[in-house]
């Protein structure tokens, strides 16, 4: 068995596993409470990814930590005020660039 065969079989298996879950969910009916909570899965996943991305630069306590921390605060502030996710992301990214540029000047 070649390496490419193993890669293709692993990819096919992964794809079939994910598709089977979609088809199984279509046939199963979840309780009403679980249906209500399902709307929070994606925001919680993104919040976890964002928190994990912030931990390392903030722990460094250098210029990177200040830039990343301020960008995180601006993004959180925009998102909590009901702004669209793209606007919150853009505001945080602009803050990251601006603070990084200001720290590079000094």
PDB file of N, CA and C in Angstrom:
ATOM      1  N   UNK A   1       0.858  -1.168   0.000  1.00  0.00           N
ATOM      2  CA  UNK A   1       0.000   0.000   0.000  1.00  0.00           C
ATOM      3  C   UNK A   1       0.907   1.236   0.000  1.00  0.00           C
ATOM      4  N   UNK A   2       0.684   2.120  -0.949  1.00  0.00           N
ATOM      5  CA  UNK A   2       1.520   3.303  -1.034  1.00  0.00           C
ATOM      6  C   UNK A   2       1.003   4.386  -0.096  1.00  0.00           C
ATOM      7  N   UNK A   3       1.831   5.403   0.080  1.00  0.00           N
ATOM      8  CA  UNK A   3       1.445   6.508   0.958  1.00  0.00           C
ATOM      9  C   UNK A   3       0.222   7.240   0.413  1.00  0.00           C
ATOM     10  N   UNK A   4       0.140   7.392  -0.906  1.00  0.00           N
ATOM     11  CA  UNK A   4      -1.004   8.083  -1.497  1.00  0.00           C
ATOM     12  C   UNK A   4      -2.299   7.309  -1.293  1.00  0.00           C
ATOM     13  N   UNK A   5      -2.232   6.002  -1.315  1.00  0.00           N
ATOM     14  CA  UNK A   5      -3.420   5.195  -1.073  1.00  0.00           C
ATOM     15  C   UNK A   5      -3.911   5.394   0.352  1.00  0.00           C
ATOM     16  N   UNK A   6      -2.972   5.421   1.286  1.00  0.00           N
ATOM     17  CA  UNK A   6      -3.335   5.631   2.692  1.00  0.00           C
ATOM     18  C   UNK A   6      -3.950   7.021   2.876  1.00  0.00           C
ATOM     19  N   UNK A   7      -3.368   8.038   2.247  1.00  0.00           N
ATOM     20  CA  UNK A   7      -3.887   9.399   2.369  1.00  0.00           C
ATOM     21  C   UNK A   7      -5.300   9.488   1.787  1.00  0.00           C
ATOM     22  N   UNK A   8      -5.507   8.901   0.610  1.00  0.00           N
ATOM     23  CA  UNK A   8      -6.827   8.930  -0.009  1.00  0.00           C
ATOM     24  C   UNK A   8      -7.862   8.172   0.819  1.00  0.00           C
ATOM     25  N   UNK A   9      -7.493   7.013   1.349  1.00  0.00           N
ATOM     26  CA  UNK A   9      -8.424   6.244   2.172  1.00  0.00           C
ATOM     27  C   UNK A   9      -8.755   6.970   3.476  1.00  0.00           C
ATOM     28  N   UNK A  10      -7.755   7.608   4.071  1.00  0.00           N
ATOM     29  CA  UNK A  10      -8.006   8.362   5.300  1.00  0.00           C
ATOM     30  C   UNK A  10      -8.919   9.556   5.019  1.00  0.00           C
ATOM     31  N   UNK A  11      -8.686  10.242   3.905  1.00  0.00           N
ATOM     32  CA  UNK A  11      -9.548  11.366   3.542  1.00  0.00           C
ATOM     33  C   UNK A  11     -10.966  10.912   3.258  1.00  0.00           C
ATOM     34  N   UNK A  12     -11.124   9.809   2.545  1.00  0.00           N
ATOM     35  CA  UNK A  12     -12.450   9.279   2.245  1.00  0.00           C
ATOM     36  C   UNK A  12     -13.160   8.852   3.526  1.00  0.00           C
ATOM     37  N   UNK A  13     -12.433   8.203   4.423  1.00  0.00           N
ATOM     38  CA  UNK A  13     -13.028   7.793   5.699  1.00  0.00           C
ATOM     39  C   UNK A  13     -13.465   8.984   6.531  1.00  0.00           C
ATOM     40  N   UNK A  14     -12.646  10.020   6.563  1.00  0.00           N
ATOM     41  CA  UNK A  14     -12.998  11.224   7.306  1.00  0.00           C
ATOM     42  C   UNK A  14     -14.232  11.890   6.711  1.00  0.00           C
ATOM     43  N   UNK A  15     -14.276  11.959   5.390  1.00  0.00           N
ATOM     44  CA  UNK A  15     -15.422  12.565   4.716  1.00  0.00           C
ATOM     45  C   UNK A  15     -16.706  11.770   4.994  1.00  0.00           C
ATOM     46  N   UNK A  16     -16.626  10.454   4.875  1.00  0.00           N
ATOM     47  CA  UNK A  16     -17.806   9.621   5.121  1.00  0.00           C
ATOM     48  C   UNK A  16     -18.282   9.730   6.569  1.00  0.00           C
ATOM     49  N   UNK A  17     -17.344   9.829   7.492  1.00  0.00           N
ATOM     50  CA  UNK A  17     -17.714   9.981   8.905  1.00  0.00           C
ATOM     51  C   UNK A  17     -18.489  11.277   9.115  1.00  0.00           C
ATOM     52  N   UNK A  18     -18.019  12.372   8.528  1.00  0.00           N
ATOM     53  CA  UNK A  18     -18.699  13.652   8.696  1.00  0.00           C
ATOM     54  C   UNK A  18     -20.051  13.682   8.000  1.00  0.00           C
ATOM     55  N   UNK A  19     -20.136  13.104   6.824  1.00  0.00           N
ATOM     56  CA  UNK A  19     -21.400  13.073   6.097  1.00  0.00           C
ATOM     57  C   UNK A  19     -22.405  12.188   6.829  1.00  0.00           C
ATOM     58  N   UNK A  20     -21.950  11.086   7.415  1.00  0.00           N
ATOM     59  CA  UNK A  20     -22.874  10.201   8.124  1.00  0.00           C
ATOM     60  C   UNK A  20     -23.513  10.910   9.308  1.00  0.00           C
ATOM     61  N   UNK A  21     -22.766  11.799   9.959  1.00  0.00           N
ATOM     62  CA  UNK A  21     -23.342  12.541  11.084  1.00  0.00           C
ATOM     63  C   UNK A  21     -24.443  13.477  10.586  1.00  0.00           C
ATOM     64  N   UNK A  22     -24.215  14.126   9.455  1.00  0.00           N
ATOM     65  CA  UNK A  22     -25.228  15.019   8.897  1.00  0.00           C
ATOM     66  C   UNK A  22     -26.492  14.240   8.560  1.00  0.00           C
ATOM     67  N   UNK A  23     -26.349  13.078   7.940  1.00  0.00           N
ATOM     68  CA  UNK A  23     -27.520  12.270   7.596  1.00  0.00           C
ATOM     69  C   UNK A  23     -28.206  11.717   8.841  1.00  0.00           C
ATOM     70  N   UNK A  24     -27.440  11.358   9.861  1.00  0.00           N
ATOM     71  CA  UNK A  24     -28.039  10.840  11.094  1.00  0.00           C
ATOM     72  C   UNK A  24     -28.823  11.930  11.812  1.00  0.00           C
ATOM     73  N   UNK A  25     -28.288  13.139  11.825  1.00  0.00           N
ATOM     74  CA  UNK A  25     -28.988  14.242  12.486  1.00  0.00           C
ATOM     75  C   UNK A  25     -30.284  14.557  11.759  1.00  0.00           C
ATOM     76  N   UNK A  26     -30.284  14.395  10.459  1.00  0.00           N
ATOM     77  CA  UNK A  26     -31.486  14.665   9.678  1.00  0.00           C
ATOM     78  C   UNK A  26     -32.610  13.707  10.058  1.00  0.00           C
ATOM     79  N   UNK A  27     -32.282  12.488  10.429  1.00  0.00           N
ATOM     80  CA  UNK A  27     -33.301  11.484  10.766  1.00  0.00           C
ATOM     81  C   UNK A  27     -33.689  11.494  12.238  1.00  0.00           C
ATOM     82  N   UNK A  28     -32.792  11.966  13.101  1.00  0.00           N
ATOM     83  CA  UNK A  28     -33.069  11.996  14.531  1.00  0.00           C
ATOM     84  C   UNK A  28     -33.689  13.330  14.923  1.00  0.00           C
ATOM     85  N   UNK A  29     -34.510  13.296  15.937  1.00  0.00           N
ATOM     86  CA  UNK A  29     -35.122  14.528  16.435  1.00  0.00           C
ATOM     87  C   UNK A  29     -34.605  14.769  17.843  1.00  0.00           C
ATOM     88  N   UNK A  30     -33.932  15.897  18.006  1.00  0.00           N
ATOM     89  CA  UNK A  30     -33.361  16.242  19.307  1.00  0.00           C
ATOM     90  C   UNK A  30     -34.430  16.900  20.173  1.00  0.00           C
ATOM     91  N   UNK A  31     -34.264  16.821  21.493  1.00  0.00           N
ATOM     92  CA  UNK A  31     -35.197  17.520  22.387  1.00  0.00           C
ATOM     93  C   UNK A  31     -35.155  19.031  22.125  1.00  0.00           C
ATOM     94  N   UNK A  32     -36.207  19.719  22.504  1.00  0.00           N
ATOM     95  CA  UNK A  32     -36.323  21.161  22.242  1.00  0.00           C
ATOM     96  C   UNK A  32     -35.195  21.942  22.903  1.00  0.00           C
ATOM     97  N   UNK A  33     -34.801  21.547  24.099  1.00  0.00           N
ATOM     98  CA  UNK A  33     -33.709  22.244  24.787  1.00  0.00           C
ATOM     99  C   UNK A  33     -32.399  22.134  24.036  1.00  0.00           C
ATOM    100  N   UNK A  34     -32.145  20.974  23.462  1.00  0.00           N
ATOM    101  CA  UNK A  34     -30.914  20.778  22.699  1.00  0.00           C
ATOM    102  C   UNK A  34     -30.956  21.589  21.403  1.00  0.00           C
ATOM    103  N   UNK A  35     -32.131  21.679  20.801  1.00  0.00           N
ATOM    104  CA  UNK A  35     -32.276  22.487  19.590  1.00  0.00           C
ATOM    105  C   UNK A  35     -31.978  23.955  19.877  1.00  0.00           C
ATOM    106  N   UNK A  36     -32.442  24.460  21.030  1.00  0.00           N
ATOM    107  CA  UNK A  36     -32.166  25.855  21.391  1.00  0.00           C
ATOM    108  C   UNK A  36     -30.683  26.078  21.636  1.00  0.00           C
ATOM    109  N   UNK A  37     -30.029  25.127  22.280  1.00  0.00           N
ATOM    110  CA  UNK A  37     -28.603  25.273  22.574  1.00  0.00           C
ATOM    111  C   UNK A  37     -27.730  25.128  21.343  1.00  0.00           C
ATOM    112  N   UNK A  38     -28.210  24.496  20.295  1.00  0.00           N
ATOM    113  CA  UNK A  38     -27.418  24.280  19.093  1.00  0.00           C
ATOM    114  C   UNK A  38     -26.999  25.594  18.445  1.00  0.00           C
ATOM    115  N   UNK A  39     -27.760  26.651  18.641  1.00  0.00           N
ATOM    116  CA  UNK A  39     -27.403  27.949  18.082  1.00  0.00           C
ATOM    117  C   UNK A  39     -26.166  28.562  18.711  1.00  0.00           C
ATOM    118  N   UNK A  40     -25.764  28.063  19.874  1.00  0.00           N
ATOM    119  CA  UNK A  40     -24.603  28.607  20.563  1.00  0.00           C
ATOM    120  C   UNK A  40     -23.315  27.838  20.261  1.00  0.00           C
ATOM    121  N   UNK A  41     -23.399  26.772  19.503  1.00  0.00           N
ATOM    122  CA  UNK A  41     -22.224  25.933  19.252  1.00  0.00           C
ATOM    123  C   UNK A  41     -21.166  26.682  18.449  1.00  0.00           C
ATOM    124  N   UNK A  42     -21.564  27.301  17.358  1.00  0.00           N
ATOM    125  CA  UNK A  42     -20.594  27.994  16.511  1.00  0.00           C
ATOM    126  C   UNK A  42     -19.959  29.181  17.232  1.00  0.00           C
ATOM    127  N   UNK A  43     -20.733  30.066  17.898  1.00  0.00           N
ATOM    128  CA  UNK A  43     -20.078  31.158  18.625  1.00  0.00           C
ATOM    129  C   UNK A  43     -19.150  30.660  19.729  1.00  0.00           C
ATOM    130  N   UNK A  44     -19.525  29.587  20.407  1.00  0.00           N
ATOM    131  CA  UNK A  44     -18.660  29.052  21.457  1.00  0.00           C
ATOM    132  C   UNK A  44     -17.373  28.487  20.881  1.00  0.00           C
ATOM    133  N   UNK A  45     -17.459  27.830  19.733  1.00  0.00           N
ATOM    134  CA  UNK A  45     -16.257  27.294  19.091  1.00  0.00           C
ATOM    135  C   UNK A  45     -15.316  28.419  18.670  1.00  0.00           C
ATOM    136  N   UNK A  46     -15.876  29.480  18.076  1.00  0.00           N
ATOM    137  CA  UNK A  46     -15.034  30.605  17.676  1.00  0.00           C
ATOM    138  C   UNK A  46     -14.444  31.319  18.883  1.00  0.00           C
ATOM    139  N   UNK A  47     -15.195  31.430  19.963  1.00  0.00           N
ATOM    140  CA  UNK A  47     -14.670  32.052  21.174  1.00  0.00           C
ATOM    141  C   UNK A  47     -13.518  31.240  21.743  1.00  0.00           C
ATOM    142  N   UNK A  48     -13.646  29.930  21.710  1.00  0.00           N
ATOM    143  CA  UNK A  48     -12.546  29.075  22.178  1.00  0.00           C
ATOM    144  C   UNK A  48     -11.308  29.213  21.321  1.00  0.00           C
ATOM    145  N   UNK A  49     -11.478  29.276  20.017  1.00  0.00           N
ATOM    146  CA  UNK A  49     -10.330  29.472  19.118  1.00  0.00           C
ATOM    147  C   UNK A  49      -9.681  30.822  19.355  1.00  0.00           C
ATOM    148  N   UNK A  50     -10.491  31.856  19.531  1.00  0.00           N
ATOM    149  CA  UNK A  50      -9.944  33.194  19.760  1.00  0.00           C
ATOM    150  C   UNK A  50      -9.203  33.258  21.088  1.00  0.00           C
ATOM    151  N   UNK A  51      -9.760  32.659  22.122  1.00  0.00           N
ATOM    152  CA  UNK A  51      -9.103  32.674  23.428  1.00  0.00           C
ATOM    153  C   UNK A  51      -7.776  31.935  23.377  1.00  0.00           C
ATOM    154  N   UNK A  52      -7.738  30.818  22.683  1.00  0.00           N
ATOM    155  CA  UNK A  52      -6.481  30.069  22.565  1.00  0.00           C
ATOM    156  C   UNK A  52      -5.442  30.866  21.785  1.00  0.00           C
ATOM    157  N   UNK A  53      -5.879  31.626  20.784  1.00  0.00           N
ATOM    158  CA  UNK A  53      -4.935  32.432  20.001  1.00  0.00           C
ATOM    159  C   UNK A  53      -4.426  33.628  20.803  1.00  0.00           C
ATOM    160  N   UNK A  54      -5.180  34.084  21.790  1.00  0.00           N
ATOM    161  CA  UNK A  54      -4.768  35.243  22.589  1.00  0.00           C
ATOM    162  C   UNK A  54      -3.846  34.879  23.737  1.00  0.00           C
ATOM    163  N   UNK A  55      -3.881  33.649  24.191  1.00  0.00           N
ATOM    164  CA  UNK A  55      -3.150  33.286  25.405  1.00  0.00           C
ATOM    165  C   UNK A  55      -1.643  33.448  25.250  1.00  0.00           C
ATOM    166  N   UNK A  56      -1.070  32.934  24.190  1.00  0.00           N
ATOM    167  CA  UNK A  56       0.385  32.978  24.041  1.00  0.00           C
ATOM    168  C   UNK A  56       0.934  34.402  23.932  1.00  0.00           C
ATOM    169  N   UNK A  57       0.387  35.260  23.047  1.00  0.00           N
ATOM    170  CA  UNK A  57       0.933  36.626  22.993  1.00  0.00           C
ATOM    171  C   UNK A  57       0.724  37.405  24.286  1.00  0.00           C
ATOM    172  N   UNK A  58      -0.403  37.196  24.945  1.00  0.00           N
ATOM    173  CA  UNK A  58      -0.642  37.915  26.196  1.00  0.00           C
ATOM    174  C   UNK A  58       0.293  37.437  27.296  1.00  0.00           C
ATOM    175  N   UNK A  59       0.646  36.172  27.281  1.00  0.00           N
ATOM    176  CA  UNK A  59       1.568  35.644  28.282  1.00  0.00           C
ATOM    177  C   UNK A  59       2.981  36.165  28.062  1.00  0.00           C
ATOM    178  N   UNK A  60       3.312  36.554  26.831  1.00  0.00           N
ATOM    179  CA  UNK A  60       4.656  37.054  26.532  1.00  0.00           C
ATOM    180  C   UNK A  60       4.900  38.415  27.180  1.00  0.00           C
ATOM    181  N   UNK A  61       3.856  39.194  27.397  1.00  0.00           N
ATOM    182  CA  UNK A  61       3.919  40.507  28.036  1.00  0.00           C
ATOM    183  C   UNK A  61       4.851  41.478  27.317  1.00  0.00           C
ATOM    184  N   UNK A  62       4.995  41.314  26.060  1.00  0.00           N
ATOM    185  CA  UNK A  62       5.809  42.236  25.281  1.00  0.00           C
ATOM    186  C   UNK A  62       4.915  43.108  24.428  1.00  0.00           C
ATOM    187  N   UNK A  63       5.501  43.681  23.378  1.00  0.00           N
ATOM    188  CA  UNK A  63       4.734  44.507  22.466  1.00  0.00           C
ATOM    189  C   UNK A  63       3.657  43.714  21.759  1.00  0.00           C
ATOM    190  N   UNK A  64       3.957  42.463  21.446  1.00  0.00           N
ATOM    191  CA  UNK A  64       2.952  41.626  20.786  1.00  0.00           C
ATOM    192  C   UNK A  64       1.744  41.415  21.683  1.00  0.00           C
ATOM    193  N   UNK A  65       1.997  41.250  22.965  1.00  0.00           N
ATOM    194  CA  UNK A  65       0.905  41.053  23.900  1.00  0.00           C
ATOM    195  C   UNK A  65      -0.008  42.260  23.983  1.00  0.00           C
ATOM    196  N   UNK A  66       0.578  43.450  23.958  1.00  0.00           N
ATOM    197  CA  UNK A  66      -0.218  44.670  24.007  1.00  0.00           C
ATOM    198  C   UNK A  66      -1.053  44.821  22.742  1.00  0.00           C
ATOM    199  N   UNK A  67      -0.457  44.551  21.598  1.00  0.00           N
ATOM    200  CA  UNK A  67      -1.182  44.680  20.329  1.00  0.00           C
ATOM    201  C   UNK A  67      -2.313  43.664  20.239  1.00  0.00           C
ATOM    202  N   UNK A  68      -2.023  42.433  20.574  1.00  0.00           N
ATOM    203  CA  UNK A  68      -3.041  41.383  20.489  1.00  0.00           C
ATOM    204  C   UNK A  68      -4.131  41.599  21.532  1.00  0.00           C
ATOM    205  N   UNK A  69      -3.747  41.995  22.729  1.00  0.00           N
ATOM    206  CA  UNK A  69      -4.737  42.251  23.775  1.00  0.00           C
ATOM    207  C   UNK A  69      -5.675  43.386  23.433  1.00  0.00           C
ATOM    208  N   UNK A  70      -5.119  44.471  22.913  1.00  0.00           N
ATOM    209  CA  UNK A  70      -5.975  45.604  22.541  1.00  0.00           C
ATOM    210  C   UNK A  70      -6.879  45.243  21.369  1.00  0.00           C
ATOM    211  N   UNK A  71      -6.367  44.466  20.415  1.00  0.00           N
ATOM    212  CA  UNK A  71      -7.207  44.021  19.295  1.00  0.00           C
ATOM    213  C   UNK A  71      -8.333  43.124  19.794  1.00  0.00           C
ATOM    214  N   UNK A  72      -8.034  42.257  20.746  1.00  0.00           N
ATOM    215  CA  UNK A  72      -9.067  41.398  21.314  1.00  0.00           C
ATOM    216  C   UNK A  72     -10.138  42.186  22.041  1.00  0.00           C
ATOM    217  N   UNK A  73      -9.729  43.211  22.756  1.00  0.00           N
ATOM    218  CA  UNK A  73     -10.691  44.044  23.482  1.00  0.00           C
ATOM    219  C   UNK A  73     -11.592  44.803  22.519  1.00  0.00           C
ATOM    220  N   UNK A  74     -11.008  45.368  21.456  1.00  0.00           N
ATOM    221  CA  UNK A  74     -11.815  46.102  20.472  1.00  0.00           C
ATOM    222  C   UNK A  74     -12.785  45.148  19.773  1.00  0.00           C
ATOM    223  N   UNK A  75     -12.305  43.971  19.395  1.00  0.00           N
ATOM    224  CA  UNK A  75     -13.179  43.000  18.736  1.00  0.00           C
ATOM    225  C   UNK A  75     -14.319  42.588  19.653  1.00  0.00           C
ATOM    226  N   UNK A  76     -14.015  42.326  20.892  1.00  0.00           N
ATOM    227  CA  UNK A  76     -15.051  41.952  21.861  1.00  0.00           C
ATOM    228  C   UNK A  76     -16.054  43.078  22.066  1.00  0.00           C
ATOM    229  N   UNK A  77     -15.562  44.308  22.155  1.00  0.00           N
ATOM    230  CA  UNK A  77     -16.459  45.448  22.343  1.00  0.00           C
ATOM    231  C   UNK A  77     -17.394  45.614  21.150  1.00  0.00           C
ATOM    232  N   UNK A  78     -16.859  45.502  19.954  1.00  0.00           N
ATOM    233  CA  UNK A  78     -17.705  45.647  18.767  1.00  0.00           C
ATOM    234  C   UNK A  78     -18.720  44.511  18.665  1.00  0.00           C
ATOM    235  N   UNK A  79     -18.281  43.296  18.947  1.00  0.00           N
ATOM    236  CA  UNK A  79     -19.189  42.150  18.850  1.00  0.00           C
ATOM    237  C   UNK A  79     -20.278  42.217  19.920  1.00  0.00           C
ATOM    238  N   UNK A  80     -19.934  42.681  21.115  1.00  0.00           N
ATOM    239  CA  UNK A  80     -20.930  42.736  22.186  1.00  0.00           C
ATOM    240  C   UNK A  80     -21.953  43.840  21.959  1.00  0.00           C
ATOM    241  N   UNK A  81     -21.637  44.804  21.124  1.00  0.00           N
ATOM    242  CA  UNK A  81     -22.591  45.867  20.802  1.00  0.00           C
ATOM    243  C   UNK A  81     -23.476  45.501  19.621  1.00  0.00           C
ATOM    244  N   UNK A  82     -23.388  44.258  19.167  1.00  0.00           N
ATOM    245  CA  UNK A  82     -24.273  43.787  18.121  1.00  0.00           C
ATOM    246  C   UNK A  82     -23.809  44.084  16.709  1.00  0.00           C
ATOM    247  N   UNK A  83     -22.559  44.465  16.558  1.00  0.00           N
ATOM    248  CA  UNK A  83     -22.036  44.716  15.212  1.00  0.00           C
ATOM    249  C   UNK A  83     -21.914  43.391  14.465  1.00  0.00           C
ATOM    250  N   UNK A  84     -21.961  43.441  13.141  1.00  0.00           N
ATOM    251  CA  UNK A  84     -21.774  42.199  12.368  1.00  0.00           C
ATOM    252  C   UNK A  84     -20.383  41.615  12.622  1.00  0.00           C
ATOM    253  N   UNK A  85     -20.246  40.288  12.544  1.00  0.00           N
ATOM    254  CA  UNK A  85     -18.945  39.670  12.797  1.00  0.00           C
ATOM    255  C   UNK A  85     -17.829  40.227  11.912  1.00  0.00           C
ATOM    256  N   UNK A  86     -18.142  40.557  10.661  1.00  0.00           N
ATOM    257  CA  UNK A  86     -17.106  41.098   9.775  1.00  0.00           C
ATOM    258  C   UNK A  86     -16.630  42.466  10.271  1.00  0.00           C
ATOM    259  N   UNK A  87     -17.528  43.279  10.799  1.00  0.00           N
ATOM    260  CA  UNK A  87     -17.144  44.593  11.324  1.00  0.00           C
ATOM    261  C   UNK A  87     -16.303  44.444  12.585  1.00  0.00           C
ATOM    262  N   UNK A  88     -16.675  43.513  13.456  1.00  0.00           N
ATOM    263  CA  UNK A  88     -15.893  43.277  14.668  1.00  0.00           C
ATOM    264  C   UNK A  88     -14.499  42.771  14.316  1.00  0.00           C
ATOM    265  N   UNK A  89     -14.431  41.861  13.355  1.00  0.00           N
ATOM    266  CA  UNK A  89     -13.137  41.337  12.915  1.00  0.00           C
ATOM    267  C   UNK A  89     -12.284  42.445  12.311  1.00  0.00           C
ATOM    268  N   UNK A  90     -12.885  43.269  11.457  1.00  0.00           N
ATOM    269  CA  UNK A  90     -12.134  44.353  10.810  1.00  0.00           C
ATOM    270  C   UNK A  90     -11.646  45.365  11.839  1.00  0.00           C
ATOM    271  N   UNK A  91     -12.477  45.696  12.807  1.00  0.00           N
ATOM    272  CA  UNK A  91     -12.057  46.630  13.849  1.00  0.00           C
ATOM    273  C   UNK A  91     -10.901  46.093  14.673  1.00  0.00           C
ATOM    274  N   UNK A  92     -10.969  44.814  15.017  1.00  0.00           N
ATOM    275  CA  UNK A  92      -9.867  44.206  15.768  1.00  0.00           C
ATOM    276  C   UNK A  92      -8.593  44.134  14.955  1.00  0.00           C
ATOM    277  N   UNK A  93      -8.727  43.809  13.679  1.00  0.00           N
ATOM    278  CA  UNK A  93      -7.553  43.718  12.820  1.00  0.00           C
ATOM    279  C   UNK A  93      -6.905  45.082  12.626  1.00  0.00           C
ATOM    280  N   UNK A  94      -7.712  46.116  12.408  1.00  0.00           N
ATOM    281  CA  UNK A  94      -7.161  47.466  12.282  1.00  0.00           C
ATOM    282  C   UNK A  94      -6.477  47.906  13.567  1.00  0.00           C
ATOM    283  N   UNK A  95      -7.048  47.547  14.709  1.00  0.00           N
ATOM    284  CA  UNK A  95      -6.420  47.872  15.987  1.00  0.00           C
ATOM    285  C   UNK A  95      -5.086  47.155  16.136  1.00  0.00           C
ATOM    286  N   UNK A  96      -5.052  45.886  15.744  1.00  0.00           N
ATOM    287  CA  UNK A  96      -3.805  45.125  15.812  1.00  0.00           C
ATOM    288  C   UNK A  96      -2.727  45.784  14.960  1.00  0.00           C
ATOM    289  N   UNK A  97      -3.077  46.162  13.752  1.00  0.00           N
ATOM    290  CA  UNK A  97      -2.098  46.800  12.862  1.00  0.00           C
ATOM    291  C   UNK A  97      -1.645  48.150  13.415  1.00  0.00           C
ATOM    292  N   UNK A  98      -2.587  48.958  13.922  1.00  0.00           N
ATOM    293  CA  UNK A  98      -2.247  50.286  14.402  1.00  0.00           C
ATOM    294  C   UNK A  98      -1.344  50.216  15.640  1.00  0.00           C
ATOM    295  N   UNK A  99      -1.688  49.363  16.581  1.00  0.00           N
ATOM    296  CA  UNK A  99      -0.869  49.249  17.797  1.00  0.00           C
ATOM    297  C   UNK A  99       0.497  48.665  17.463  1.00  0.00           C
ATOM    298  N   UNK A 100       0.538  47.695  16.576  1.00  0.00           N
ATOM    299  CA  UNK A 100       1.828  47.123  16.168  1.00  0.00           C
ATOM    300  C   UNK A 100       2.694  48.175  15.480  1.00  0.00           C
ATOM    301  N   UNK A 101       2.090  49.014  14.648  1.00  0.00           N
ATOM    302  CA  UNK A 101       2.844  50.067  13.958  1.00  0.00           C
ATOM    303  C   UNK A 101       3.342  51.105  14.955  1.00  0.00           C
ATOM    304  N   UNK A 102       2.501  51.474  15.923  1.00  0.00           N
ATOM    305  CA  UNK A 102       2.925  52.450  16.928  1.00  0.00           C
ATOM    306  C   UNK A 102       4.064  51.915  17.786  1.00  0.00           C
ATOM    307  N   UNK A 103       4.014  50.643  18.117  1.00  0.00           N
ATOM    308  CA  UNK A 103       5.085  50.066  18.922  1.00  0.00           C
ATOM    309  C   UNK A 103       6.376  49.919  18.124  1.00  0.00           C
ATOM    310  N   UNK A 104       6.258  49.737  16.803  1.00  0.00           N
ATOM    311  CA  UNK A 104       7.451  49.594  15.959  1.00  0.00           C
ATOM    312  C   UNK A 104       8.139  50.939  15.777  1.00  0.00           C
ATOM    313  N   UNK A 105       7.400  52.049  15.876  1.00  0.00           N
ATOM    314  CA  UNK A 105       8.001  53.378  15.709  1.00  0.00           C
ATOM    315  C   UNK A 105       8.912  53.684  16.876  1.00  0.00           C
ATOM    316  N   UNK A 106       8.502  53.290  18.069  1.00  0.00           N
ATOM    317  CA  UNK A 106       9.303  53.600  19.265  1.00  0.00           C
ATOM    318  C   UNK A 106      10.469  52.714  19.350  1.00  0.00           C
TER     319      UNK A 106
END
